[in-house]
Protein backbone atom coordinates (compact mmCIF):
# COMPACT_ATOMS: atom_id res chain seq x y z
CA UNK A 1 27.45 24.22 275.41
CA UNK A 2 25.22 27.21 275.92
CA UNK A 3 22.13 26.58 277.98
CA UNK A 4 19.38 28.14 275.91
CA UNK A 5 16.87 28.23 278.74
CA UNK A 6 16.44 31.77 280.01
CA UNK A 7 14.74 32.73 283.24
CA UNK A 8 11.40 31.14 284.03
CA UNK A 9 9.84 34.58 283.67
CA UNK A 10 10.76 34.49 280.00
CA UNK A 11 10.38 31.15 278.29
CA UNK A 12 13.23 28.72 278.54
CA UNK A 13 13.24 28.96 274.76
CA UNK A 14 12.97 32.62 273.90
CA UNK A 15 13.99 35.93 275.38
CA UNK A 16 11.50 38.39 276.82
CA UNK A 17 11.58 39.42 280.44
CA UNK A 18 7.98 40.44 281.08
CA UNK A 19 4.52 40.51 279.61
CA UNK A 20 5.10 44.10 278.51
CA UNK A 21 8.24 43.11 276.57
CA UNK A 22 7.86 41.50 273.19
CA UNK A 23 9.01 37.91 272.93
CA UNK A 24 12.03 37.49 270.67
CA UNK A 25 14.27 34.82 269.15
CA UNK A 26 17.43 36.60 270.26
CA UNK A 27 18.69 33.59 272.23
CA UNK A 28 19.24 31.74 268.95
CA UNK A 29 22.01 32.16 266.39
CA UNK A 30 19.73 32.47 263.37
CA UNK A 31 16.29 31.75 261.94
CA UNK A 32 15.21 30.16 258.68
CA UNK A 33 13.64 32.22 255.89
CA UNK A 34 10.43 33.54 257.38
CA UNK A 35 11.14 33.35 261.11
CA UNK A 36 8.69 31.45 263.33
CA UNK A 37 6.17 33.57 265.21
CA UNK A 38 6.73 34.23 268.89
CA UNK A 39 4.34 35.55 271.49
CA UNK A 40 2.55 35.24 274.76
CA UNK A 41 -0.05 36.97 276.94
CA UNK A 42 -0.10 40.72 276.27
CA UNK A 43 1.90 40.46 273.05
CA UNK A 44 0.59 41.30 269.60
CA UNK A 45 0.75 37.58 268.87
CA UNK A 46 -0.64 35.39 271.66
CA UNK A 47 0.34 31.76 271.19
CA UNK A 48 -0.41 28.70 273.27
CA UNK A 49 2.51 28.28 275.65
CA UNK A 50 3.69 25.52 277.93
CA UNK A 51 5.55 27.43 280.62
CA UNK A 52 6.78 30.96 281.12
CA UNK A 53 5.50 33.93 279.12
CA UNK A 54 6.42 33.13 275.50
CA UNK A 55 6.29 30.34 272.97
CA UNK A 56 7.27 29.84 269.33
CA UNK A 57 5.05 28.68 266.48
CA UNK A 58 6.09 27.29 263.10
CA UNK A 59 3.46 27.30 260.36
CA UNK A 60 5.73 26.44 257.44
CA UNK A 61 9.35 25.40 256.90
CA UNK A 62 10.40 27.56 259.85
CA UNK A 63 13.00 26.92 262.51
CA UNK A 64 15.62 28.49 264.75
CA UNK A 65 19.25 27.42 264.79
CA UNK A 66 21.87 27.32 267.52
CA UNK A 67 25.52 27.36 266.47
CA UNK A 68 27.02 27.24 269.96
CA UNK A 69 27.81 23.49 269.97
CA UNK A 70 31.45 22.97 268.99
CA UNK A 71 32.26 19.44 267.83
CA UNK A 72 30.15 18.02 270.65
CA UNK A 73 30.43 14.28 271.16
CA UNK A 74 27.40 14.13 273.44
CA UNK A 75 24.12 16.01 273.70
CA UNK A 76 21.09 15.96 275.99
CA UNK A 77 18.20 18.11 274.79
CA UNK A 78 14.64 18.64 276.03
CA UNK A 79 11.74 20.58 274.52
CA UNK A 80 7.93 20.63 274.38
CA UNK A 81 5.81 20.75 271.24
CA UNK A 82 2.11 21.13 270.46
CA UNK A 83 1.07 19.96 266.99
CA UNK A 84 -2.19 21.06 265.36
CA UNK A 85 -3.81 18.96 262.67
CA UNK A 86 -2.48 15.74 261.19
CA UNK A 87 0.97 15.47 259.70
CA UNK A 88 4.49 14.10 259.73
CA UNK A 89 7.34 16.55 260.20
CA UNK A 90 10.92 16.79 261.38
CA UNK A 91 10.82 19.01 264.47
CA UNK A 92 14.44 18.88 265.65
CA UNK A 93 17.71 18.08 263.91
CA UNK A 94 21.40 18.05 264.85
CA UNK A 95 24.12 18.70 262.28
CA UNK A 96 27.87 18.27 262.13
CA UNK A 97 28.15 21.60 260.29
CA UNK A 98 26.55 25.00 260.77
CA UNK A 99 25.43 25.03 257.15
CA UNK A 100 23.01 22.20 257.90
CA UNK A 101 24.33 19.93 255.18
CA UNK A 102 25.29 16.87 257.22
CA UNK A 103 22.68 15.48 259.60
CA UNK A 104 23.74 13.62 262.74
CA UNK A 105 20.24 12.74 263.92
CA UNK A 106 16.69 14.02 263.48
CA UNK A 107 13.53 13.89 265.59
CA UNK A 108 10.16 13.66 263.83
CA UNK A 109 6.51 13.51 264.89
CA UNK A 110 3.71 11.91 262.89
CA UNK A 111 0.72 12.24 265.21
CA UNK A 112 1.16 8.73 266.60
CA UNK A 113 4.84 8.58 267.51
CA UNK A 114 7.94 10.64 268.09
CA UNK A 115 10.97 9.08 266.40
CA UNK A 116 14.67 9.90 266.65
CA UNK A 117 16.61 8.72 263.60
CA UNK A 118 20.42 8.83 263.41
CA UNK A 119 22.20 9.25 260.09
CA UNK A 120 23.88 5.91 260.88
CA UNK A 121 22.45 3.31 263.23
CA UNK A 122 18.98 2.35 264.46
CA UNK A 123 16.02 4.62 265.24
CA UNK A 124 13.98 4.82 268.44
CA UNK A 125 10.25 5.65 268.69
CA UNK A 126 7.77 6.34 271.50
CA UNK A 127 4.05 7.23 271.43
CA UNK A 128 2.93 10.87 271.41
CA UNK A 129 -0.45 12.23 272.46
CA UNK A 130 -2.84 15.09 271.76
CA UNK A 131 -1.84 18.34 273.47
CA UNK A 132 1.64 19.22 274.63
CA UNK A 133 4.33 16.55 274.38
CA UNK A 134 7.70 16.61 276.12
CA UNK A 135 10.67 15.17 274.24
CA UNK A 136 14.08 14.47 275.74
CA UNK A 137 16.90 12.87 273.81
CA UNK A 138 20.29 11.72 275.06
CA UNK A 139 22.82 11.12 272.28
CA UNK A 140 26.40 9.93 272.32
CA UNK A 141 28.36 9.98 269.09
CA UNK A 142 29.26 6.50 267.94
CA UNK A 143 27.13 5.11 270.76
CA UNK A 144 23.54 5.19 271.86
CA UNK A 145 20.40 7.29 271.56
CA UNK A 146 17.81 7.33 274.34
CA UNK A 147 14.36 8.90 273.96
CA UNK A 148 11.81 10.00 276.57
CA UNK A 149 8.38 11.19 275.39
CA UNK A 150 6.07 12.51 278.13
CA UNK A 151 8.15 10.77 280.76
CA UNK A 152 10.77 12.12 283.16
CA UNK A 153 14.36 11.20 282.41
CA UNK A 154 15.37 11.94 286.01
CA UNK A 155 13.12 9.22 287.39
CA UNK A 156 12.32 6.79 284.56
CA UNK A 157 14.18 4.60 282.11
CA UNK A 158 14.10 5.66 278.47
CA UNK A 159 10.91 4.93 276.55
CA UNK A 160 13.00 3.76 273.60
CA UNK A 161 16.67 3.37 272.69
CA UNK A 162 18.57 3.28 269.42
CA UNK A 163 22.18 3.27 268.26
CA UNK A 164 24.51 5.59 266.41
CA UNK A 165 27.24 3.83 264.49
CA UNK A 166 28.64 7.00 262.95
CA UNK A 167 31.56 9.14 264.06
CA UNK A 168 30.15 12.64 263.54
CA UNK A 169 30.06 15.36 266.20
CA UNK A 170 27.48 18.13 266.57
CA UNK A 171 28.13 21.75 265.58
CA UNK A 172 24.57 23.06 265.17
CA UNK A 173 20.98 22.20 266.02
CA UNK A 174 17.66 23.31 264.51
CA UNK A 175 14.32 23.47 266.34
CA UNK A 176 11.06 23.95 264.46
CA UNK A 177 9.40 22.40 261.44
CA UNK A 178 12.74 21.81 259.78
CA UNK A 179 11.40 20.17 256.63
CA UNK A 180 7.98 21.85 256.56
CA UNK A 181 4.71 21.06 258.27
CA UNK A 182 4.12 17.77 256.48
CA UNK A 183 0.36 18.17 256.90
CA UNK A 184 0.29 19.80 260.35
CA UNK A 185 -1.49 23.16 260.49
CA UNK A 186 1.13 24.51 262.90
CA UNK A 187 3.51 23.33 265.60
CA UNK A 188 4.25 25.28 268.81
CA UNK A 189 7.51 24.88 270.73
CA UNK A 190 8.50 25.78 274.28
CA UNK A 191 11.00 25.12 277.09
CA UNK A 192 14.05 24.08 275.07
CA UNK A 193 17.16 23.23 277.05
CA UNK A 194 20.39 21.45 276.13
CA UNK A 195 23.30 19.99 278.09
CA UNK A 196 26.30 17.73 277.65
CA UNK A 197 25.59 15.63 280.73
CA UNK A 198 22.88 15.05 283.37
CA UNK A 199 19.21 14.44 282.66
CA UNK A 200 16.87 17.43 282.34
CA UNK A 201 13.42 16.01 283.11
CA UNK A 202 9.92 17.50 282.81
CA UNK A 203 8.35 20.68 284.09
CA UNK A 204 5.62 20.32 286.77
CA UNK A 205 2.18 20.64 285.11
CA UNK A 206 0.08 23.18 287.00
CA UNK A 207 3.01 24.86 288.77
CA UNK A 208 1.64 28.28 287.82
CA UNK A 209 3.79 30.17 290.32
CA UNK A 210 6.94 28.55 288.93
CA UNK A 211 8.41 27.79 292.34
CA UNK A 212 9.29 24.22 291.41
CA UNK A 213 7.64 22.80 294.51
CA UNK A 214 4.54 20.72 295.10
CA UNK A 215 1.28 22.07 293.72
CA UNK A 216 -0.74 24.15 296.16
CA UNK A 217 -3.71 26.48 296.32
CA UNK A 218 -1.58 29.43 295.18
CA UNK A 219 -1.07 27.70 291.82
CA UNK A 220 -4.85 27.36 291.41
CA UNK A 221 -5.34 31.01 292.40
CA UNK A 222 -2.72 32.07 289.85
CA UNK A 223 -4.49 30.17 287.08
CA UNK A 224 -7.83 31.74 288.01
CA UNK A 225 -6.21 35.18 287.97
CA UNK A 226 -4.93 34.55 284.45
CA UNK A 227 -8.29 33.25 283.23
CA UNK A 228 -10.35 36.03 284.83
CA UNK A 229 -8.02 39.03 284.84
CA UNK A 230 -5.44 38.15 282.19
CA UNK A 231 -2.64 38.13 284.77
CA UNK A 232 -0.09 35.92 283.03
CA UNK A 233 1.63 33.35 285.23
CA UNK A 234 5.37 32.86 284.99
CA UNK A 235 5.26 29.13 285.68
CA UNK A 236 3.26 26.32 284.06
CA UNK A 237 -0.48 27.11 284.30
CA UNK A 238 -1.59 24.56 281.67
CA UNK A 239 -2.15 21.74 284.17
CA UNK A 240 -4.13 19.61 281.68
CA UNK A 241 -1.42 20.18 279.03
CA UNK A 242 -4.05 20.56 276.32
CA UNK A 243 -2.75 23.86 274.91
CA UNK A 244 -5.43 26.06 276.52
CA UNK A 245 -5.44 27.76 279.92
CA UNK A 246 -8.91 27.76 281.48
CA UNK A 247 -10.85 26.88 284.61
CA UNK A 248 -10.21 23.18 284.04
CA UNK A 249 -6.53 23.81 284.77
CA UNK A 250 -7.44 25.29 288.16
CA UNK A 251 -9.63 22.25 288.85
CA UNK A 252 -6.74 20.00 287.79
CA UNK A 253 -4.48 21.66 290.36
CA UNK A 254 -7.08 21.47 293.12
CA UNK A 255 -7.63 17.78 292.44
CA UNK A 256 -3.86 17.19 292.62
CA UNK A 257 -3.66 19.06 295.93
CA UNK A 258 -6.63 17.20 297.45
CA UNK A 259 -5.58 13.77 296.19
CA UNK A 260 -1.93 14.24 296.98
């Protein structure tokens, strides 16, 4: 299965190698109707992002589709979303056909919970929060569904588990507001990645330099440079995960460094 995460300097969801280059949806097979907006610092459209330079925003029935799965019997997928307003929408769905006619399972958010619902079997739900939420799902056809919401699958047990009693395999996935906003004003998406095996886990909040290591003073300096000079950081500068990058994110990093 294709790993849809590009370099950390781009998005992990979208293509776009630098601030000067426009963010695009070229990593995906197709888009629905009116394509979701994409953008980041320095682009015509500047959207709240989680990590990297770009993010994607759906403000209607808008989604991207990946047709690279080929009769997959297992899937692990991770993404971040930021919902504005109050609503209830399907934000991710897997299908056994590229035409999107036969659902295997869907993930929805209603402002209180994130829920993964298989076409056959039992659903699993876990609480969501204001700001950015991470979602990771591990699915095995004819077996189980495990869900992590704002927790790290590499270090923690699933927040909720369900079952899949069907026999379908996955040939396509859709990311976005698949069935419309359902009351949300908009929903932003970032850092999508998919695998057959091995947990993916969460990004490190405040890792502005994107080096993947422990937070340090250079991360705080990078955030300040973005806030003051508009120098976009290639890592994860939104330490508070509230959808805005400001001086409180630098303070968040400093507190993490001081307190260990």
